[in-house]
Amino acid sequence: MSSRSHPLVALARVRAKPARRQALQDALAALVEPSRAESGCFDYTPFELLEEPGTFYVRETWADQEALDFHMATPHFQAFAARFAELLAEPIRLIPLCEIPAVTAEPA
């Protein structure tokens, strides 16, 4: 089975500039509904790192790279991207993930 048949799963790490935590949190929250409405989106859920307030992770699952590329070109994401200099302490880090298949027990 080729990797192309699997969805693209990633974590996006997004760190707020000092004093911009709430503004970044609001901006990420505003992305959820329109992103989830995209046809290639299976999951788009933001989280804040409990031990490091102002550091957010967005768990994303896309049908494929084309769906992710489409997402990054949407007006809602581009409006967010226009605020990167204002909100972000560093560039977004997209961390691609590969699911580890479960091992099933052999029948006795």
N, C-alpha and C. Protein backbone atom coordinates (compact mmCIF):
# COMPACT_ATOMS: atom_id res chain seq x y z
N MET A 1 0.85 -1.17 0.00
CA MET A 1 0.00 0.00 0.00
C MET A 1 0.90 1.24 0.00
N SER A 2 0.68 2.18 -0.90
CA SER A 2 1.53 3.37 -0.99
C SER A 2 1.15 4.40 0.05
N SER A 3 2.10 5.27 0.39
CA SER A 3 1.83 6.30 1.38
C SER A 3 0.81 7.31 0.86
N ARG A 4 0.62 7.37 -0.43
CA ARG A 4 -0.35 8.31 -1.01
C ARG A 4 -1.77 7.95 -0.60
N SER A 5 -2.01 6.70 -0.21
CA SER A 5 -3.37 6.29 0.15
C SER A 5 -3.70 6.65 1.60
N HIS A 6 -2.71 7.14 2.34
CA HIS A 6 -2.94 7.51 3.73
C HIS A 6 -3.12 9.02 3.84
N PRO A 7 -3.94 9.46 4.79
CA PRO A 7 -4.06 10.90 4.98
C PRO A 7 -2.76 11.50 5.48
N LEU A 8 -2.63 12.80 5.29
CA LEU A 8 -1.48 13.55 5.78
C LEU A 8 -1.84 14.04 7.18
N VAL A 9 -1.08 13.61 8.18
CA VAL A 9 -1.32 13.99 9.57
C VAL A 9 -0.13 14.79 10.06
N ALA A 10 -0.40 15.90 10.73
CA ALA A 10 0.69 16.75 11.21
C ALA A 10 0.25 17.52 12.45
N LEU A 11 1.26 17.98 13.17
CA LEU A 11 1.06 18.95 14.24
C LEU A 11 1.73 20.24 13.78
N ALA A 12 1.01 21.33 13.90
CA ALA A 12 1.60 22.64 13.62
C ALA A 12 1.90 23.29 14.97
N ARG A 13 3.18 23.60 15.21
CA ARG A 13 3.54 24.28 16.46
C ARG A 13 3.58 25.78 16.18
N VAL A 14 2.82 26.51 17.00
CA VAL A 14 2.66 27.94 16.81
C VAL A 14 2.94 28.62 18.15
N ARG A 15 3.95 29.50 18.18
CA ARG A 15 4.34 30.16 19.44
C ARG A 15 4.04 31.66 19.37
N ALA A 16 3.37 32.14 20.41
CA ALA A 16 2.99 33.55 20.47
C ALA A 16 4.14 34.43 20.91
N LYS A 17 4.16 35.65 20.39
CA LYS A 17 5.05 36.67 20.91
C LYS A 17 4.60 37.00 22.33
N PRO A 18 5.50 37.51 23.16
CA PRO A 18 5.08 37.94 24.50
C PRO A 18 3.91 38.91 24.41
N ALA A 19 2.96 38.73 25.28
CA ALA A 19 1.76 39.58 25.36
C ALA A 19 0.80 39.40 24.17
N ARG A 20 1.04 38.41 23.31
CA ARG A 20 0.14 38.17 22.15
C ARG A 20 -0.56 36.82 22.27
N ARG A 21 -0.44 36.18 23.43
CA ARG A 21 -1.04 34.84 23.63
C ARG A 21 -2.53 34.83 23.30
N GLN A 22 -3.30 35.74 23.90
CA GLN A 22 -4.75 35.73 23.69
C GLN A 22 -5.10 36.04 22.24
N ALA A 23 -4.39 36.98 21.64
CA ALA A 23 -4.66 37.32 20.24
C ALA A 23 -4.38 36.13 19.33
N LEU A 24 -3.30 35.40 19.61
CA LEU A 24 -2.99 34.22 18.80
C LEU A 24 -4.02 33.12 19.04
N GLN A 25 -4.39 32.93 20.28
CA GLN A 25 -5.42 31.92 20.59
C GLN A 25 -6.72 32.25 19.85
N ASP A 26 -7.12 33.49 19.84
CA ASP A 26 -8.34 33.90 19.13
C ASP A 26 -8.20 33.68 17.63
N ALA A 27 -7.03 33.99 17.09
CA ALA A 27 -6.81 33.81 15.65
C ALA A 27 -6.86 32.33 15.27
N LEU A 28 -6.28 31.47 16.11
CA LEU A 28 -6.33 30.03 15.84
C LEU A 28 -7.75 29.51 15.95
N ALA A 29 -8.48 29.97 16.95
CA ALA A 29 -9.87 29.53 17.12
C ALA A 29 -10.73 29.93 15.92
N ALA A 30 -10.44 31.09 15.34
CA ALA A 30 -11.20 31.55 14.18
C ALA A 30 -10.94 30.70 12.94
N LEU A 31 -9.83 29.98 12.91
CA LEU A 31 -9.50 29.11 11.77
C LEU A 31 -10.25 27.79 11.79
N VAL A 32 -10.72 27.38 12.96
CA VAL A 32 -11.26 26.02 13.12
C VAL A 32 -12.45 25.76 12.20
N GLU A 33 -13.50 26.55 12.31
CA GLU A 33 -14.72 26.27 11.54
C GLU A 33 -14.49 26.29 10.03
N PRO A 34 -13.87 27.35 9.47
CA PRO A 34 -13.67 27.32 8.02
C PRO A 34 -12.71 26.23 7.55
N SER A 35 -11.72 25.91 8.37
CA SER A 35 -10.77 24.85 7.99
C SER A 35 -11.47 23.49 7.97
N ARG A 36 -12.25 23.22 9.01
CA ARG A 36 -12.97 21.94 9.07
C ARG A 36 -13.99 21.81 7.94
N ALA A 37 -14.45 22.93 7.40
CA ALA A 37 -15.42 22.89 6.31
C ALA A 37 -14.78 22.57 4.96
N GLU A 38 -13.45 22.64 4.87
CA GLU A 38 -12.77 22.32 3.62
C GLU A 38 -12.95 20.84 3.32
N SER A 39 -13.17 20.51 2.05
CA SER A 39 -13.47 19.13 1.68
C SER A 39 -12.34 18.15 2.00
N GLY A 40 -11.09 18.59 1.99
CA GLY A 40 -9.97 17.69 2.26
C GLY A 40 -9.55 17.62 3.72
N CYS A 41 -10.30 18.29 4.61
CA CYS A 41 -9.93 18.33 6.02
C CYS A 41 -10.68 17.25 6.80
N PHE A 42 -9.92 16.40 7.50
CA PHE A 42 -10.51 15.38 8.37
C PHE A 42 -10.45 15.78 9.84
N ASP A 43 -9.49 16.63 10.20
CA ASP A 43 -9.34 17.07 11.59
C ASP A 43 -8.56 18.36 11.60
N TYR A 44 -8.99 19.29 12.45
CA TYR A 44 -8.29 20.56 12.64
C TYR A 44 -8.61 21.02 14.04
N THR A 45 -7.75 20.68 14.99
CA THR A 45 -8.03 20.93 16.40
C THR A 45 -6.83 21.59 17.08
N PRO A 46 -7.02 22.84 17.55
CA PRO A 46 -5.93 23.52 18.26
C PRO A 46 -5.88 23.15 19.74
N PHE A 47 -4.67 23.13 20.28
CA PHE A 47 -4.42 22.85 21.70
C PHE A 47 -3.37 23.85 22.19
N GLU A 48 -3.40 24.13 23.49
CA GLU A 48 -2.33 24.92 24.09
C GLU A 48 -1.51 24.01 24.99
N LEU A 49 -0.21 24.15 24.93
CA LEU A 49 0.69 23.36 25.75
C LEU A 49 0.56 23.83 27.19
N LEU A 50 0.09 22.96 28.07
CA LEU A 50 -0.18 23.35 29.46
C LEU A 50 1.06 23.86 30.16
N GLU A 51 2.20 23.24 29.92
CA GLU A 51 3.42 23.64 30.62
C GLU A 51 4.09 24.85 30.00
N GLU A 52 3.55 25.34 28.90
CA GLU A 52 4.16 26.47 28.20
C GLU A 52 3.07 27.34 27.57
N PRO A 53 2.36 28.13 28.38
CA PRO A 53 1.29 28.98 27.83
C PRO A 53 1.83 29.86 26.70
N GLY A 54 1.03 29.98 25.66
CA GLY A 54 1.45 30.74 24.49
C GLY A 54 2.05 29.88 23.40
N THR A 55 2.25 28.59 23.70
CA THR A 55 2.68 27.64 22.68
C THR A 55 1.47 26.77 22.34
N PHE A 56 1.11 26.77 21.09
CA PHE A 56 -0.08 26.05 20.62
C PHE A 56 0.34 24.98 19.62
N TYR A 57 -0.43 23.92 19.60
CA TYR A 57 -0.28 22.88 18.58
C TYR A 57 -1.63 22.73 17.91
N VAL A 58 -1.62 22.62 16.60
CA VAL A 58 -2.84 22.34 15.86
C VAL A 58 -2.67 20.94 15.27
N ARG A 59 -3.56 20.03 15.70
CA ARG A 59 -3.55 18.67 15.14
C ARG A 59 -4.36 18.74 13.85
N GLU A 60 -3.71 18.39 12.75
CA GLU A 60 -4.33 18.50 11.43
C GLU A 60 -4.27 17.17 10.70
N THR A 61 -5.36 16.82 10.07
CA THR A 61 -5.38 15.64 9.19
C THR A 61 -6.04 16.06 7.88
N TRP A 62 -5.29 15.89 6.82
CA TRP A 62 -5.73 16.27 5.47
C TRP A 62 -5.77 15.04 4.58
N ALA A 63 -6.61 15.08 3.58
CA ALA A 63 -6.72 13.95 2.65
C ALA A 63 -5.38 13.66 1.98
N ASP A 64 -4.63 14.72 1.66
CA ASP A 64 -3.35 14.58 0.97
C ASP A 64 -2.65 15.94 0.95
N GLN A 65 -1.48 16.00 0.36
CA GLN A 65 -0.72 17.25 0.28
C GLN A 65 -1.50 18.31 -0.47
N GLU A 66 -2.22 17.92 -1.49
CA GLU A 66 -3.02 18.87 -2.26
C GLU A 66 -4.06 19.57 -1.37
N ALA A 67 -4.68 18.81 -0.46
CA ALA A 67 -5.67 19.41 0.45
C ALA A 67 -5.00 20.40 1.41
N LEU A 68 -3.80 20.07 1.88
CA LEU A 68 -3.06 20.98 2.76
C LEU A 68 -2.65 22.24 1.98
N ASP A 69 -2.17 22.07 0.77
CA ASP A 69 -1.79 23.21 -0.06
C ASP A 69 -3.00 24.11 -0.31
N PHE A 70 -4.16 23.50 -0.57
CA PHE A 70 -5.40 24.27 -0.78
C PHE A 70 -5.71 25.07 0.48
N HIS A 71 -5.60 24.42 1.66
CA HIS A 71 -5.87 25.08 2.94
C HIS A 71 -5.00 26.33 3.10
N MET A 72 -3.71 26.18 2.81
CA MET A 72 -2.80 27.30 3.01
C MET A 72 -3.05 28.45 2.04
N ALA A 73 -3.79 28.19 0.97
CA ALA A 73 -4.12 29.24 -0.01
C ALA A 73 -5.50 29.86 0.22
N THR A 74 -6.26 29.33 1.19
CA THR A 74 -7.61 29.85 1.43
C THR A 74 -7.56 31.27 1.99
N PRO A 75 -8.61 32.04 1.76
CA PRO A 75 -8.65 33.40 2.32
C PRO A 75 -8.54 33.41 3.85
N HIS A 76 -9.15 32.44 4.54
CA HIS A 76 -9.07 32.46 6.01
C HIS A 76 -7.66 32.18 6.50
N PHE A 77 -6.93 31.27 5.86
CA PHE A 77 -5.55 31.03 6.28
C PHE A 77 -4.65 32.20 5.87
N GLN A 78 -4.88 32.76 4.70
CA GLN A 78 -4.05 33.88 4.25
C GLN A 78 -4.25 35.11 5.15
N ALA A 79 -5.47 35.31 5.67
CA ALA A 79 -5.71 36.40 6.61
C ALA A 79 -4.91 36.17 7.90
N PHE A 80 -4.83 34.91 8.33
CA PHE A 80 -4.03 34.56 9.50
C PHE A 80 -2.54 34.77 9.18
N ALA A 81 -2.10 34.31 8.03
CA ALA A 81 -0.70 34.45 7.63
C ALA A 81 -0.27 35.92 7.58
N ALA A 82 -1.19 36.81 7.23
CA ALA A 82 -0.88 38.23 7.16
C ALA A 82 -0.56 38.80 8.55
N ARG A 83 -0.93 38.07 9.60
CA ARG A 83 -0.70 38.53 10.98
C ARG A 83 0.50 37.84 11.64
N PHE A 84 1.24 37.02 10.90
CA PHE A 84 2.36 36.28 11.50
C PHE A 84 3.35 37.22 12.21
N ALA A 85 3.75 38.31 11.56
CA ALA A 85 4.74 39.22 12.15
C ALA A 85 4.24 39.81 13.46
N GLU A 86 2.94 40.06 13.52
CA GLU A 86 2.32 40.62 14.72
C GLU A 86 2.22 39.61 15.86
N LEU A 87 1.90 38.36 15.52
CA LEU A 87 1.52 37.37 16.53
C LEU A 87 2.60 36.36 16.91
N LEU A 88 3.43 35.96 15.95
CA LEU A 88 4.30 34.80 16.15
C LEU A 88 5.71 35.15 16.61
N ALA A 89 6.18 34.38 17.59
CA ALA A 89 7.54 34.54 18.09
C ALA A 89 8.55 33.89 17.16
N GLU A 90 8.08 32.95 16.34
CA GLU A 90 8.95 32.22 15.41
C GLU A 90 8.06 31.64 14.32
N PRO A 91 8.64 31.23 13.19
CA PRO A 91 7.82 30.63 12.13
C PRO A 91 7.07 29.39 12.63
N ILE A 92 5.92 29.14 12.04
CA ILE A 92 5.17 27.93 12.35
C ILE A 92 6.02 26.73 11.98
N ARG A 93 6.04 25.74 12.84
CA ARG A 93 6.75 24.50 12.53
C ARG A 93 5.71 23.42 12.27
N LEU A 94 5.68 22.89 11.06
CA LEU A 94 4.77 21.80 10.71
C LEU A 94 5.52 20.48 10.93
N ILE A 95 4.99 19.67 11.82
CA ILE A 95 5.63 18.41 12.21
C ILE A 95 4.81 17.26 11.61
N PRO A 96 5.28 16.67 10.50
CA PRO A 96 4.54 15.56 9.89
C PRO A 96 4.62 14.31 10.77
N LEU A 97 3.55 13.56 10.80
CA LEU A 97 3.48 12.34 11.61
C LEU A 97 3.15 11.14 10.74
N CYS A 98 3.60 9.98 11.20
CA CYS A 98 3.30 8.72 10.53
C CYS A 98 2.69 7.81 11.58
N GLU A 99 1.48 7.35 11.33
CA GLU A 99 0.79 6.47 12.28
C GLU A 99 1.51 5.13 12.37
N ILE A 100 1.63 4.65 13.59
CA ILE A 100 2.20 3.33 13.82
C ILE A 100 1.05 2.35 13.82
N PRO A 101 1.05 1.38 12.92
CA PRO A 101 -0.08 0.44 12.87
C PRO A 101 -0.15 -0.40 14.12
N ALA A 102 -1.37 -0.66 14.55
CA ALA A 102 -1.59 -1.53 15.71
C ALA A 102 -1.20 -2.95 15.34
N VAL A 103 -0.68 -3.67 16.32
CA VAL A 103 -0.34 -5.08 16.12
C VAL A 103 -1.50 -5.89 16.66
N THR A 104 -2.01 -6.77 15.82
CA THR A 104 -3.10 -7.63 16.27
C THR A 104 -2.54 -8.99 16.70
N ALA A 105 -3.13 -9.51 17.72
CA ALA A 105 -2.66 -10.80 18.22
C ALA A 105 -3.03 -11.90 17.22
N GLU A 106 -2.12 -12.83 17.06
CA GLU A 106 -2.38 -13.98 16.19
C GLU A 106 -3.36 -14.91 16.91
N PRO A 107 -4.32 -15.47 16.17
CA PRO A 107 -5.24 -16.43 16.80
C PRO A 107 -4.46 -17.66 17.31
N ALA A 108 -4.90 -18.19 18.43
CA ALA A 108 -4.20 -19.34 19.03
C ALA A 108 -4.47 -20.60 18.25
